[in-house]
């Protein structure tokens, strides 16, 4: 499908409402001369187009990302069209960030990504910081985030790993950005300058929540959740058959038998993790990396060991988890 903006797909109605275009029904009711009584036929049921039905008829799910079903994909596209922010949770490497990039490309929106796992100062990343020049003195330089909010094309703004913020500043700054107020205050004073957000801006946040993620074992604050009016999506790892399809798409020369062994290994490890017999799981990202190594000539078992064993270190002389992973890898060669 040729990339198109949502405005081109749906037209330019300001109220973004296509439900008013109701198809007119056929005239019904017919008199039979042989009867005194008028026979009224049932009116045919008219098809009323909706946002979801129009998306399904116009946009195909991309091959590079496999969903267990189509509901997630099309409801997310609907949220972009309606300007409803979403939060996507799930284990690391299950495809949350990749999903954001795909959606931005399909909707032809300018893509801005902000990762909060690599900063201890969310305020500077979101707002900007003060600069000093010997000639001009002190001045304020707005952040790239401010530029994204102002982008007249209507930006797709990725807020990656929002649970990694240790300061608490991130949620406080973003509250008026994500709710109906739609503004960003550049500081905490009452007369602070504010940045108005372009009407087409869309926010796509991701979060890792679970016992294996430092500082992310707790749930998100309720007020923070409520700001994501498009909903919270809980993504899981792909089923083995879908994950194998993804591996073959990303690494077309991979032997399908090797690909099946890699995804089978991942499924076994994930089952052990769910049973709380392991402290961490094997991600789709790790499977893709192992597949790439195999394509480049590495033995499949050695590729799995290289990619996976560093996630299961020997701690305090306890090698229980590492031994179980090695056994699972060796089982793939039998």
Foldseek 3Di string as FASTA:
>chain_A
DDAEAVCVLQPPDPVLFQQVPWDDWDDWWDADPVDPDTDTDDTDDTDGDDQLNSCVVPDDDDLLDDDPDCPVVSLVLVCLSVQFAEEEEEAPQQCQVVSLVVSCRNNVAAEAEDEPLPDQCVLCQQANAWDADPVPGIDTDGHVNLVQQVPQRAHEYEYEAPQNHPPPVVLVQCLCCLAPNNWGFNDDDPPTDIRHGHPSYHYYYYHYEPDLDVRRVDDDDPSSQVSRRSYYHYDYHDPLVSLLSNLCVLPVPQDSLLSSLLSVLQVVQVVCVVVVVDSDGQHSVLSNQLSVVVSVPDDSLVSNCVSPLVVQDQDPNDNPVSVVSNVSSVVSVD
